[in-house]
Amino acid sequence: MLKQKGIGEEDVSGVKPLVLSRRVAGGVVSAAILLWIAATFLWMQVGLDRWILISHTDLRTNELVADIGHLATRYGMSIILFAYLIYLPFAFKFARLRDSFRIYLLLILMFGIAGPAGDILKEIVDRPRPSAEYAAQIYALPFPDSPSFPSGHATKSVALALPFLLFITAKDGWHRAVKVLLVAVALGVCYSRVLLGAHYLSDVLAGVGMALICVPLVAFLTNKLLRRMNSRILSRAVFVWAALLAGLMVLTARL
């Protein structure tokens, strides 16, 4: 019985490609489409999107809750990147984790493609921020006057979490704990955008959808680059990627 190949599963010499099965790829794309449908519905329906925003006003005016929201917004992506950097020494120490080196290239490409794609779409759509549309009706903390749809923080935080969630296949307890942490932090960043009045829920759903829709493309591009490497080049390149991640930690803490 022939086994169907997934994205990147073809035979290559040197570094093994990342494998995104057709089933998983289909699930990721389907989830992205559903999120975009939900985001579009919320935007067009208006009332529910606005109600969700206004319903957070009491929380938004609570100083402690607002501070927690700001911490999630400002440092959430940096925490995700820090988790990858902490994981790297374990990958060097334990041979069974060496295949994880490949996801660091995927991680950089996910951030470098999904993030700018969301930012470009934001400028094209040019949706006003909630604080501009409902300035007289909601209390919103001060934010830049950049467009609102999709949420850049939602796009980037989910884009950073997905490589570990989708391509690290180890099922032991501590790997599961890392995945739970990454999911919790990424969702915390997404929720903080609504909590603080920086975005509508529809903006956040579209941002998550943007990150998801980029996964198959970025996996394909990552494998194109991995085909040009051998294990020695990969083990050296990962130091460069780690330095880039450290730089991104500083950059994302200022977004």
Protein backbone atom coordinates (compact mmCIF):
# COMPACT_ATOMS: atom_id res chain seq x y z
CA MET A 1 0.00 0.00 0.00
CA LEU A 2 1.53 3.32 -1.06
CA LYS A 3 1.83 6.06 1.55
CA GLN A 4 0.85 9.56 0.48
CA LYS A 5 3.68 12.04 0.74
CA GLY A 6 3.19 15.30 2.58
CA ILE A 7 4.77 18.66 1.92
CA GLY A 8 8.55 18.29 1.89
CA GLU A 9 8.52 14.51 2.29
CA GLU A 10 10.38 13.77 -0.95
CA ASP A 11 13.82 12.15 -0.70
CA VAL A 12 16.76 14.53 -0.36
CA SER A 13 20.41 14.07 0.52
CA GLY A 14 21.92 15.70 3.56
CA VAL A 15 19.50 17.44 5.89
CA LYS A 16 16.12 15.80 6.22
CA PRO A 17 13.23 18.03 5.13
CA LEU A 18 10.49 19.15 7.44
CA VAL A 19 7.36 17.09 6.89
CA LEU A 20 3.95 18.71 6.93
CA SER A 21 1.47 15.97 6.09
CA ARG A 22 -1.37 16.76 3.73
CA ARG A 23 -3.78 16.09 6.56
CA VAL A 24 -2.11 18.63 8.85
CA ALA A 25 -1.61 21.13 6.01
CA GLY A 26 -5.28 20.80 5.09
CA GLY A 27 -6.28 21.31 8.73
CA VAL A 28 -4.11 24.42 9.03
CA VAL A 29 -5.47 25.96 5.83
CA SER A 30 -9.06 25.06 6.77
CA ALA A 31 -8.63 26.67 10.19
CA ALA A 32 -7.21 29.79 8.53
CA ILE A 33 -10.18 30.00 6.14
CA LEU A 34 -12.68 29.55 8.99
CA LEU A 35 -10.96 32.27 11.03
CA TRP A 36 -11.07 34.66 8.07
CA ILE A 37 -14.76 33.89 7.51
CA ALA A 38 -15.45 34.54 11.20
CA ALA A 39 -13.42 37.76 11.13
CA THR A 40 -15.23 39.00 8.02
CA PHE A 41 -18.62 38.15 9.53
CA LEU A 42 -17.80 40.00 12.76
CA TRP A 43 -16.63 43.07 10.86
CA MET A 44 -19.68 43.15 8.59
CA GLN A 45 -22.07 42.38 11.43
CA VAL A 46 -20.51 45.24 13.45
CA GLY A 47 -22.70 44.95 16.54
CA LEU A 48 -21.06 41.86 18.03
CA ASP A 49 -17.54 43.10 17.30
CA ARG A 50 -18.38 46.39 18.99
CA TRP A 51 -20.14 44.69 21.94
CA ILE A 52 -17.11 42.48 22.66
CA LEU A 53 -14.93 45.60 22.64
CA ILE A 54 -17.21 47.58 24.94
CA SER A 55 -17.76 44.64 27.30
CA HIS A 56 -14.08 44.85 28.27
CA THR A 57 -14.29 48.48 29.39
CA ASP A 58 -14.45 47.65 33.13
CA LEU A 59 -11.45 45.34 32.83
CA ARG A 60 -9.63 47.93 30.78
CA THR A 61 -10.01 50.53 33.51
CA ASN A 62 -8.65 48.15 36.16
CA GLU A 63 -5.03 49.15 36.64
CA LEU A 64 -3.78 45.65 37.51
CA VAL A 65 -5.56 44.00 34.58
CA ALA A 66 -4.36 46.72 32.21
CA ASP A 67 -0.77 46.24 33.42
CA ILE A 68 -1.01 42.47 32.82
CA GLY A 69 -2.41 43.15 29.35
CA HIS A 70 0.46 45.50 28.59
CA LEU A 71 2.99 42.90 29.76
CA ALA A 72 1.44 40.28 27.47
CA THR A 73 1.39 42.68 24.53
CA ARG A 74 4.92 43.93 25.03
CA TYR A 75 6.77 40.82 26.14
CA GLY A 76 4.70 37.88 24.86
CA MET A 77 6.62 37.47 21.63
CA SER A 78 9.93 37.86 23.46
CA ILE A 79 8.91 35.08 25.87
CA ILE A 80 8.15 32.77 22.93
CA LEU A 81 11.53 33.53 21.37
CA PHE A 82 13.26 33.02 24.73
CA ALA A 83 11.68 29.55 24.95
CA TYR A 84 13.25 28.65 21.60
CA LEU A 85 16.65 29.93 22.74
CA ILE A 86 16.44 27.94 25.99
CA TYR A 87 15.50 24.83 24.00
CA LEU A 88 18.53 25.11 21.71
CA PRO A 89 21.23 23.95 24.19
CA PHE A 90 19.17 20.82 24.88
CA ALA A 91 19.06 20.14 21.13
CA PHE A 92 22.87 20.35 21.04
CA LYS A 93 23.26 18.07 24.04
CA PHE A 94 20.81 15.33 23.08
CA ALA A 95 21.23 13.71 19.65
CA ARG A 96 17.54 12.80 19.46
CA LEU A 97 16.67 16.51 19.43
CA ARG A 98 19.09 17.52 16.65
CA ASP A 99 16.35 17.45 14.01
CA SER A 100 14.82 20.44 15.78
CA PHE A 101 17.60 22.63 14.35
CA ARG A 102 15.54 22.84 11.16
CA ILE A 103 12.63 24.61 12.82
CA TYR A 104 14.82 27.61 13.63
CA LEU A 105 15.05 28.42 9.93
CA LEU A 106 11.30 27.90 9.63
CA LEU A 107 10.76 30.16 12.65
CA ILE A 108 12.73 33.04 11.14
CA LEU A 109 10.95 32.69 7.79
CA MET A 110 7.53 32.51 9.48
CA PHE A 111 8.18 35.77 11.30
CA GLY A 112 9.77 37.36 8.24
CA ILE A 113 6.92 36.43 5.88
CA ALA A 114 3.74 36.31 7.97
CA GLY A 115 4.53 39.52 9.86
CA PRO A 116 5.17 41.78 6.84
CA ALA A 117 2.30 40.15 4.91
CA GLY A 118 -0.08 41.11 7.73
CA ASP A 119 1.37 44.62 7.92
CA ILE A 120 0.97 45.14 4.16
CA LEU A 121 -2.62 43.90 4.26
CA LYS A 122 -3.25 46.23 7.19
CA GLU A 123 -2.25 49.23 5.09
CA ILE A 124 -4.35 48.05 2.13
CA VAL A 125 -7.51 47.46 4.18
CA ASP A 126 -6.93 50.63 6.25
CA ARG A 127 -9.49 49.90 8.96
CA PRO A 128 -9.50 52.53 11.73
CA ARG A 129 -8.55 51.48 15.24
CA PRO A 130 -11.37 51.02 17.79
CA SER A 131 -10.16 54.11 19.67
CA ALA A 132 -10.74 56.16 16.50
CA GLU A 133 -14.13 54.68 15.57
CA TYR A 134 -15.61 54.69 19.08
CA ALA A 135 -13.57 57.35 20.85
CA ALA A 136 -16.63 58.73 22.65
CA GLN A 137 -18.01 55.33 23.70
CA ILE A 138 -15.09 53.28 24.97
CA TYR A 139 -12.11 53.76 27.18
CA ALA A 140 -9.08 52.66 25.18
CA LEU A 141 -5.47 52.95 26.19
CA PRO A 142 -3.32 55.04 23.83
CA PHE A 143 -1.98 53.22 20.76
CA PRO A 144 -0.41 54.24 17.44
CA ASP A 145 -2.75 55.47 14.71
CA SER A 146 -1.78 52.61 12.37
CA PRO A 147 -4.64 50.63 10.76
CA SER A 148 -6.36 47.88 12.71
CA PHE A 149 -7.03 44.86 10.44
CA PRO A 150 -5.43 42.35 10.88
CA SER A 151 -3.74 42.52 14.28
CA GLY A 152 0.03 42.52 13.81
CA HIS A 153 0.68 41.24 17.33
CA ALA A 154 -1.72 38.33 16.80
CA THR A 155 -0.12 37.46 13.46
CA LYS A 156 3.45 37.59 14.74
CA SER A 157 2.93 35.83 18.08
CA VAL A 158 1.08 32.90 16.49
CA ALA A 159 3.61 32.77 13.65
CA LEU A 160 6.36 32.36 16.26
CA ALA A 161 4.56 29.63 18.20
CA LEU A 162 3.49 27.47 15.23
CA PRO A 163 6.89 25.99 14.22
CA PHE A 164 7.32 24.29 17.61
CA LEU A 165 3.67 23.24 17.80
CA LEU A 166 3.55 21.69 14.32
CA PHE A 167 7.06 20.35 13.73
CA ILE A 168 8.32 19.14 17.10
CA THR A 169 6.92 15.63 17.30
CA ALA A 170 8.32 14.52 20.69
CA LYS A 171 5.46 13.63 23.03
CA ASP A 172 7.17 13.48 26.43
CA GLY A 173 5.93 15.59 29.31
CA TRP A 174 8.34 18.48 29.06
CA HIS A 175 7.80 18.94 25.32
CA ARG A 176 4.07 19.04 25.99
CA ALA A 177 4.68 21.60 28.74
CA VAL A 178 6.62 23.84 26.32
CA LYS A 179 3.81 23.59 23.78
CA VAL A 180 1.23 24.50 26.41
CA LEU A 181 3.37 27.48 27.41
CA LEU A 182 3.69 28.68 23.81
CA VAL A 183 -0.04 28.34 23.20
CA ALA A 184 -0.86 30.16 26.44
CA VAL A 185 1.52 33.04 25.69
CA ALA A 186 0.40 33.42 22.05
CA LEU A 187 -3.28 33.40 23.07
CA GLY A 188 -2.47 35.83 25.87
CA VAL A 189 -0.98 38.25 23.35
CA CYS A 190 -4.04 37.87 21.11
CA TYR A 191 -6.48 38.46 23.97
CA SER A 192 -4.52 41.43 25.31
CA ARG A 193 -5.13 43.30 22.05
CA VAL A 194 -8.90 43.19 22.60
CA LEU A 195 -8.59 43.71 26.35
CA LEU A 196 -6.58 46.92 25.89
CA GLY A 197 -8.88 48.25 23.16
CA ALA A 198 -6.11 48.12 20.56
CA HIS A 199 -8.06 45.82 18.21
CA TYR A 200 -11.43 44.30 17.53
CA LEU A 201 -11.85 40.57 17.92
CA SER A 202 -12.19 40.35 14.12
CA ASP A 203 -8.71 41.90 13.77
CA VAL A 204 -7.25 39.27 16.07
CA LEU A 205 -8.98 36.33 14.33
CA ALA A 206 -7.72 37.59 10.97
CA GLY A 207 -4.20 37.88 12.39
CA VAL A 208 -4.23 34.27 13.60
CA GLY A 209 -5.61 33.23 10.20
CA MET A 210 -2.81 35.12 8.46
CA ALA A 211 -0.18 33.20 10.44
CA LEU A 212 -1.84 29.85 9.73
CA ILE A 213 -2.23 30.43 6.00
CA CYS A 214 1.53 31.07 5.71
CA VAL A 215 2.54 27.70 7.17
CA PRO A 216 2.46 25.55 3.98
CA LEU A 217 4.27 28.21 1.94
CA VAL A 218 6.96 28.77 4.56
CA ALA A 219 7.43 25.01 5.05
CA PHE A 220 7.99 24.69 1.30
CA LEU A 221 10.51 27.56 1.22
CA THR A 222 12.31 26.20 4.29
CA ASN A 223 12.75 22.81 2.63
CA LYS A 224 14.07 24.48 -0.52
CA LEU A 225 16.81 26.03 1.61
CA LEU A 226 17.43 22.88 3.66
CA ARG A 227 18.09 20.94 0.44
CA ARG A 228 21.17 23.12 -0.04
CA MET A 229 22.59 22.18 3.35
CA ASN A 230 24.29 19.23 4.96
CA SER A 231 24.33 18.44 8.67
CA ARG A 232 27.60 20.32 9.21
CA ILE A 233 26.30 23.51 7.59
CA LEU A 234 23.05 23.19 9.53
CA SER A 235 24.80 22.85 12.91
CA ARG A 236 26.80 26.01 12.15
CA ALA A 237 23.91 27.98 10.67
CA VAL A 238 21.83 27.44 13.79
CA PHE A 239 24.21 29.74 15.71
CA VAL A 240 23.47 32.52 13.22
CA TRP A 241 19.75 31.86 13.54
CA ALA A 242 20.03 31.93 17.34
CA ALA A 243 21.72 35.34 17.13
CA LEU A 244 18.87 36.56 14.91
CA LEU A 245 16.34 35.28 17.43
CA ALA A 246 18.13 37.13 20.22
CA GLY A 247 17.90 40.30 18.14
CA LEU A 248 14.21 39.64 17.52
CA MET A 249 13.68 39.30 21.28
CA VAL A 250 14.87 42.88 21.71
CA LEU A 251 12.92 44.12 18.68
CA THR A 252 9.60 42.54 19.62
CA ALA A 253 9.81 43.94 23.14
CA ARG A 254 9.61 47.40 21.54
CA LEU A 255 6.64 46.77 19.25
